[in-house]
Amino acid sequence: MGGIPCKVICAPQGARGTIVSATGSGKTITAAACALECFPSGWILVTVPTLGLLAQTAQAWRLMGHRTPMVAVCSLENDPVLTELGVRWLLGCRTPGGLRRKRPLIRGR
């Protein structure tokens, strides 16, 4: 990938982060690289503001080496890019309770 070498420092109990920079400057790749180093096999929540960014983000995370299951909680269905990447969908989860009830679907592949 090239770029500037860096060291990621992880908070001992997990962390939240915000990356603020210009469009096209590599925020998605940076987040994916940091998450992979800090939480290589853990659960990671990524939120995106638009459905268009969902496939782009999933592609970038796979490119950076993330191989764990991905689940999209959104209104998209049968997106060919997400299907190829192995992303599963959960439709109709409007509350935390609804997401908890569907948790077995998240673990399976």
N, C-alpha and C. Protein backbone atom coordinates (compact mmCIF):
# COMPACT_ATOMS: atom_id res chain seq x y z
N MET A 1 0.81 -1.20 0.00
CA MET A 1 0.00 0.00 0.00
C MET A 1 0.85 1.26 0.00
N GLY A 2 2.04 1.22 0.57
CA GLY A 2 2.86 2.43 0.62
C GLY A 2 2.36 3.38 1.69
N GLY A 3 2.81 4.60 1.64
CA GLY A 3 2.35 5.59 2.60
C GLY A 3 3.35 5.80 3.71
N ILE A 4 2.89 6.46 4.74
CA ILE A 4 3.73 6.82 5.87
C ILE A 4 3.63 5.74 6.93
N PRO A 5 4.77 5.16 7.37
CA PRO A 5 4.71 4.16 8.44
C PRO A 5 4.18 4.79 9.73
N CYS A 6 3.42 4.02 10.47
CA CYS A 6 2.89 4.54 11.73
C CYS A 6 2.73 3.41 12.72
N LYS A 7 2.56 3.75 13.95
CA LYS A 7 2.31 2.79 15.02
C LYS A 7 0.97 3.13 15.63
N VAL A 8 0.12 2.13 15.77
CA VAL A 8 -1.19 2.32 16.37
C VAL A 8 -1.09 1.97 17.84
N ILE A 9 -1.57 2.85 18.69
CA ILE A 9 -1.59 2.60 20.13
C ILE A 9 -3.04 2.36 20.52
N CYS A 10 -3.32 1.20 21.11
CA CYS A 10 -4.69 0.82 21.47
C CYS A 10 -4.93 1.05 22.95
N ALA A 11 -6.09 1.60 23.27
CA ALA A 11 -6.50 1.74 24.66
C ALA A 11 -6.74 0.34 25.23
N PRO A 12 -6.37 0.08 26.49
CA PRO A 12 -6.47 -1.27 27.05
C PRO A 12 -7.90 -1.82 27.08
N GLN A 13 -8.90 -1.00 27.24
CA GLN A 13 -10.28 -1.47 27.31
C GLN A 13 -11.06 -1.18 26.04
N GLY A 14 -10.39 -1.06 24.92
CA GLY A 14 -11.08 -0.70 23.69
C GLY A 14 -11.11 0.80 23.55
N ALA A 15 -11.61 1.26 22.45
CA ALA A 15 -11.58 2.70 22.22
C ALA A 15 -12.56 3.08 21.13
N ARG A 16 -12.82 4.37 21.07
CA ARG A 16 -13.57 4.96 19.97
C ARG A 16 -12.63 5.92 19.28
N GLY A 17 -12.86 6.11 18.03
CA GLY A 17 -12.00 7.05 17.32
C GLY A 17 -12.78 7.79 16.25
N THR A 18 -12.31 8.97 15.95
CA THR A 18 -12.88 9.77 14.88
C THR A 18 -11.73 10.26 14.03
N ILE A 19 -11.86 10.08 12.73
CA ILE A 19 -10.85 10.57 11.80
C ILE A 19 -11.49 11.70 11.01
N VAL A 20 -10.90 12.87 11.06
CA VAL A 20 -11.41 14.02 10.32
C VAL A 20 -10.36 14.42 9.30
N SER A 21 -10.69 14.29 8.03
CA SER A 21 -9.78 14.72 6.97
C SER A 21 -10.57 14.83 5.67
N ALA A 22 -9.93 15.33 4.65
CA ALA A 22 -10.59 15.62 3.38
C ALA A 22 -11.08 14.36 2.68
N THR A 23 -12.07 14.53 1.82
CA THR A 23 -12.57 13.44 0.99
C THR A 23 -11.43 12.86 0.16
N GLY A 24 -11.35 11.54 0.14
CA GLY A 24 -10.34 10.87 -0.67
C GLY A 24 -8.96 10.80 -0.05
N SER A 25 -8.84 11.19 1.22
CA SER A 25 -7.52 11.21 1.86
C SER A 25 -7.16 9.90 2.56
N GLY A 26 -8.08 8.93 2.58
CA GLY A 26 -7.75 7.62 3.14
C GLY A 26 -8.32 7.31 4.51
N LYS A 27 -9.40 7.95 4.90
CA LYS A 27 -10.00 7.70 6.22
C LYS A 27 -10.43 6.24 6.38
N THR A 28 -11.05 5.69 5.36
CA THR A 28 -11.55 4.32 5.45
C THR A 28 -10.41 3.32 5.58
N ILE A 29 -9.38 3.49 4.78
CA ILE A 29 -8.21 2.60 4.83
C ILE A 29 -7.51 2.74 6.18
N THR A 30 -7.39 3.97 6.67
CA THR A 30 -6.75 4.21 7.96
C THR A 30 -7.53 3.51 9.08
N ALA A 31 -8.85 3.67 9.07
CA ALA A 31 -9.68 3.04 10.10
C ALA A 31 -9.57 1.52 10.03
N ALA A 32 -9.58 0.97 8.83
CA ALA A 32 -9.48 -0.49 8.67
C ALA A 32 -8.14 -1.01 9.17
N ALA A 33 -7.06 -0.30 8.86
CA ALA A 33 -5.73 -0.73 9.32
C ALA A 33 -5.62 -0.65 10.83
N CYS A 34 -6.12 0.43 11.43
CA CYS A 34 -6.07 0.57 12.89
C CYS A 34 -6.89 -0.52 13.57
N ALA A 35 -8.09 -0.77 13.07
CA ALA A 35 -8.95 -1.78 13.67
C ALA A 35 -8.34 -3.17 13.57
N LEU A 36 -7.72 -3.46 12.44
CA LEU A 36 -7.11 -4.78 12.26
C LEU A 36 -5.94 -4.98 13.22
N GLU A 37 -5.18 -3.93 13.46
CA GLU A 37 -4.05 -4.04 14.39
C GLU A 37 -4.52 -4.12 15.84
N CYS A 38 -5.51 -3.31 16.19
CA CYS A 38 -5.95 -3.24 17.58
C CYS A 38 -6.90 -4.37 17.97
N PHE A 39 -7.74 -4.80 17.05
CA PHE A 39 -8.77 -5.80 17.35
C PHE A 39 -8.81 -6.85 16.25
N PRO A 40 -7.77 -7.65 16.09
CA PRO A 40 -7.69 -8.57 14.95
C PRO A 40 -8.81 -9.62 14.89
N SER A 41 -9.38 -9.99 16.03
CA SER A 41 -10.45 -10.99 15.98
C SER A 41 -11.66 -10.57 16.81
N GLY A 42 -11.73 -9.29 17.14
CA GLY A 42 -12.83 -8.81 17.97
C GLY A 42 -13.97 -8.24 17.15
N TRP A 43 -15.04 -7.87 17.85
CA TRP A 43 -16.19 -7.25 17.23
C TRP A 43 -15.90 -5.78 17.02
N ILE A 44 -16.20 -5.29 15.86
CA ILE A 44 -15.95 -3.88 15.53
C ILE A 44 -17.24 -3.33 14.92
N LEU A 45 -17.69 -2.19 15.42
CA LEU A 45 -18.86 -1.52 14.88
C LEU A 45 -18.40 -0.37 14.01
N VAL A 46 -18.82 -0.38 12.77
CA VAL A 46 -18.50 0.70 11.84
C VAL A 46 -19.82 1.27 11.35
N THR A 47 -19.98 2.57 11.43
CA THR A 47 -21.18 3.20 10.91
C THR A 47 -20.80 4.08 9.72
N VAL A 48 -21.67 4.11 8.74
CA VAL A 48 -21.45 4.96 7.57
C VAL A 48 -22.71 5.78 7.35
N PRO A 49 -22.57 7.01 6.84
CA PRO A 49 -23.72 7.91 6.72
C PRO A 49 -24.63 7.63 5.53
N THR A 50 -24.17 6.87 4.54
CA THR A 50 -24.99 6.62 3.36
C THR A 50 -24.87 5.16 2.93
N LEU A 51 -25.87 4.69 2.23
CA LEU A 51 -25.82 3.33 1.70
C LEU A 51 -24.71 3.19 0.67
N GLY A 52 -24.42 4.25 -0.07
CA GLY A 52 -23.36 4.22 -1.05
C GLY A 52 -21.99 3.94 -0.45
N LEU A 53 -21.77 4.42 0.75
CA LEU A 53 -20.48 4.19 1.41
C LEU A 53 -20.37 2.78 2.01
N LEU A 54 -21.48 2.08 2.12
CA LEU A 54 -21.45 0.76 2.73
C LEU A 54 -20.59 -0.22 1.93
N ALA A 55 -20.84 -0.35 0.64
CA ALA A 55 -20.05 -1.28 -0.19
C ALA A 55 -18.60 -0.82 -0.28
N GLN A 56 -18.40 0.49 -0.41
CA GLN A 56 -17.03 1.03 -0.48
C GLN A 56 -16.25 0.69 0.78
N THR A 57 -16.89 0.83 1.93
CA THR A 57 -16.23 0.55 3.20
C THR A 57 -15.95 -0.95 3.34
N ALA A 58 -16.92 -1.78 3.01
CA ALA A 58 -16.71 -3.23 3.09
C ALA A 58 -15.57 -3.67 2.17
N GLN A 59 -15.51 -3.12 0.97
CA GLN A 59 -14.42 -3.45 0.04
C GLN A 59 -13.07 -3.06 0.63
N ALA A 60 -12.99 -1.86 1.18
CA ALA A 60 -11.72 -1.39 1.74
C ALA A 60 -11.28 -2.25 2.92
N TRP A 61 -12.21 -2.63 3.78
CA TRP A 61 -11.86 -3.45 4.94
C TRP A 61 -11.40 -4.83 4.51
N ARG A 62 -12.04 -5.41 3.51
CA ARG A 62 -11.58 -6.70 2.99
C ARG A 62 -10.19 -6.55 2.36
N LEU A 63 -9.98 -5.49 1.62
CA LEU A 63 -8.68 -5.23 0.99
C LEU A 63 -7.57 -5.12 2.04
N MET A 64 -7.90 -4.56 3.20
CA MET A 64 -6.91 -4.39 4.26
C MET A 64 -6.69 -5.68 5.06
N GLY A 65 -7.46 -6.73 4.78
CA GLY A 65 -7.21 -8.01 5.43
C GLY A 65 -8.25 -8.49 6.41
N HIS A 66 -9.34 -7.77 6.57
CA HIS A 66 -10.40 -8.22 7.49
C HIS A 66 -11.12 -9.41 6.87
N ARG A 67 -11.11 -10.54 7.57
CA ARG A 67 -11.74 -11.76 7.06
C ARG A 67 -12.88 -12.23 7.94
N THR A 68 -13.13 -11.55 9.03
CA THR A 68 -14.22 -11.95 9.92
C THR A 68 -15.57 -11.61 9.27
N PRO A 69 -16.66 -12.24 9.74
CA PRO A 69 -17.97 -11.97 9.14
C PRO A 69 -18.35 -10.49 9.24
N MET A 70 -19.01 -10.00 8.21
CA MET A 70 -19.52 -8.64 8.19
C MET A 70 -21.04 -8.71 8.08
N VAL A 71 -21.70 -7.83 8.83
CA VAL A 71 -23.16 -7.76 8.82
C VAL A 71 -23.57 -6.32 8.59
N ALA A 72 -24.47 -6.10 7.65
CA ALA A 72 -24.99 -4.76 7.39
C ALA A 72 -26.41 -4.68 7.94
N VAL A 73 -26.65 -3.71 8.79
CA VAL A 73 -28.00 -3.45 9.30
C VAL A 73 -28.47 -2.23 8.53
N CYS A 74 -29.27 -2.46 7.50
CA CYS A 74 -29.64 -1.37 6.60
C CYS A 74 -30.85 -1.78 5.77
N SER A 75 -31.23 -0.92 4.83
CA SER A 75 -32.37 -1.21 3.96
C SER A 75 -31.96 -1.83 2.63
N LEU A 76 -30.66 -2.02 2.41
CA LEU A 76 -30.21 -2.66 1.17
C LEU A 76 -30.52 -4.15 1.18
N GLU A 77 -30.78 -4.68 0.02
CA GLU A 77 -30.99 -6.12 -0.13
C GLU A 77 -30.36 -6.56 -1.44
N ASN A 78 -29.66 -7.67 -1.40
CA ASN A 78 -29.11 -8.28 -2.61
C ASN A 78 -28.19 -7.38 -3.41
N ASP A 79 -27.32 -6.66 -2.76
CA ASP A 79 -26.32 -5.85 -3.45
C ASP A 79 -25.23 -6.78 -3.96
N PRO A 80 -24.91 -6.76 -5.25
CA PRO A 80 -23.94 -7.72 -5.80
C PRO A 80 -22.53 -7.58 -5.22
N VAL A 81 -22.10 -6.36 -4.94
CA VAL A 81 -20.76 -6.15 -4.38
C VAL A 81 -20.69 -6.72 -2.97
N LEU A 82 -21.69 -6.40 -2.16
CA LEU A 82 -21.70 -6.89 -0.78
C LEU A 82 -21.85 -8.41 -0.74
N THR A 83 -22.64 -8.96 -1.64
CA THR A 83 -22.78 -10.42 -1.72
C THR A 83 -21.44 -11.06 -2.03
N GLU A 84 -20.72 -10.51 -3.00
CA GLU A 84 -19.41 -11.05 -3.37
C GLU A 84 -18.42 -10.98 -2.20
N LEU A 85 -18.55 -9.95 -1.37
CA LEU A 85 -17.66 -9.78 -0.22
C LEU A 85 -18.08 -10.64 0.98
N GLY A 86 -19.22 -11.31 0.87
CA GLY A 86 -19.69 -12.16 1.96
C GLY A 86 -20.39 -11.41 3.07
N VAL A 87 -20.91 -10.22 2.78
CA VAL A 87 -21.61 -9.42 3.79
C VAL A 87 -23.04 -9.93 3.90
N ARG A 88 -23.49 -10.13 5.14
CA ARG A 88 -24.87 -10.54 5.40
C ARG A 88 -25.71 -9.31 5.70
N TRP A 89 -27.03 -9.43 5.53
CA TRP A 89 -27.94 -8.33 5.81
C TRP A 89 -28.86 -8.67 6.96
N LEU A 90 -29.17 -7.67 7.75
CA LEU A 90 -30.23 -7.76 8.75
C LEU A 90 -31.19 -6.63 8.43
N LEU A 91 -32.38 -6.96 8.01
CA LEU A 91 -33.38 -5.96 7.67
C LEU A 91 -34.38 -5.83 8.80
N GLY A 92 -34.90 -4.65 9.00
CA GLY A 92 -35.96 -4.44 9.96
C GLY A 92 -35.54 -4.38 11.41
N CYS A 93 -34.28 -4.12 11.70
CA CYS A 93 -33.82 -3.97 13.08
C CYS A 93 -33.89 -2.49 13.45
N ARG A 94 -34.95 -2.11 14.12
CA ARG A 94 -35.12 -0.69 14.46
C ARG A 94 -34.81 -0.39 15.92
N THR A 95 -34.61 -1.44 16.72
CA THR A 95 -34.32 -1.24 18.14
C THR A 95 -33.17 -2.17 18.55
N PRO A 96 -32.49 -1.87 19.67
CA PRO A 96 -31.46 -2.80 20.16
C PRO A 96 -32.03 -4.19 20.43
N GLY A 97 -33.27 -4.26 20.91
CA GLY A 97 -33.89 -5.56 21.16
C GLY A 97 -34.05 -6.36 19.87
N GLY A 98 -34.43 -5.68 18.80
CA GLY A 98 -34.57 -6.36 17.51
C GLY A 98 -33.24 -6.92 17.02
N LEU A 99 -32.18 -6.19 17.24
CA LEU A 99 -30.85 -6.65 16.85
C LEU A 99 -30.42 -7.84 17.71
N ARG A 100 -30.71 -7.79 19.01
CA ARG A 100 -30.36 -8.91 19.90
C ARG A 100 -31.08 -10.19 19.47
N ARG A 101 -32.34 -10.07 19.08
CA ARG A 101 -33.09 -11.26 18.66
C ARG A 101 -32.50 -11.88 17.40
N LYS A 102 -31.86 -11.09 16.57
CA LYS A 102 -31.28 -11.60 15.33
C LYS A 102 -29.82 -11.98 15.48
N ARG A 103 -29.27 -11.91 16.67
CA ARG A 103 -27.84 -12.17 16.88
C ARG A 103 -27.38 -13.53 16.34
N PRO A 104 -28.17 -14.61 16.47
CA PRO A 104 -27.69 -15.88 15.89
C PRO A 104 -27.42 -15.77 14.39
N LEU A 105 -28.14 -14.92 13.68
CA LEU A 105 -27.90 -14.74 12.25
C LEU A 105 -26.55 -14.08 11.99
N ILE A 106 -26.10 -13.26 12.93
CA ILE A 106 -24.82 -12.57 12.77
C ILE A 106 -23.67 -13.55 12.88
N ARG A 107 -23.76 -14.50 13.80
CA ARG A 107 -22.66 -15.42 14.04
C ARG A 107 -22.49 -16.43 12.91
N GLY A 108 -23.57 -16.88 12.32
CA GLY A 108 -23.49 -17.88 11.26
C GLY A 108 -22.99 -17.30 9.96
N ARG A 109 -22.67 -18.17 9.04
CA ARG A 109 -22.22 -17.69 7.73
C ARG A 109 -22.99 -18.39 6.67
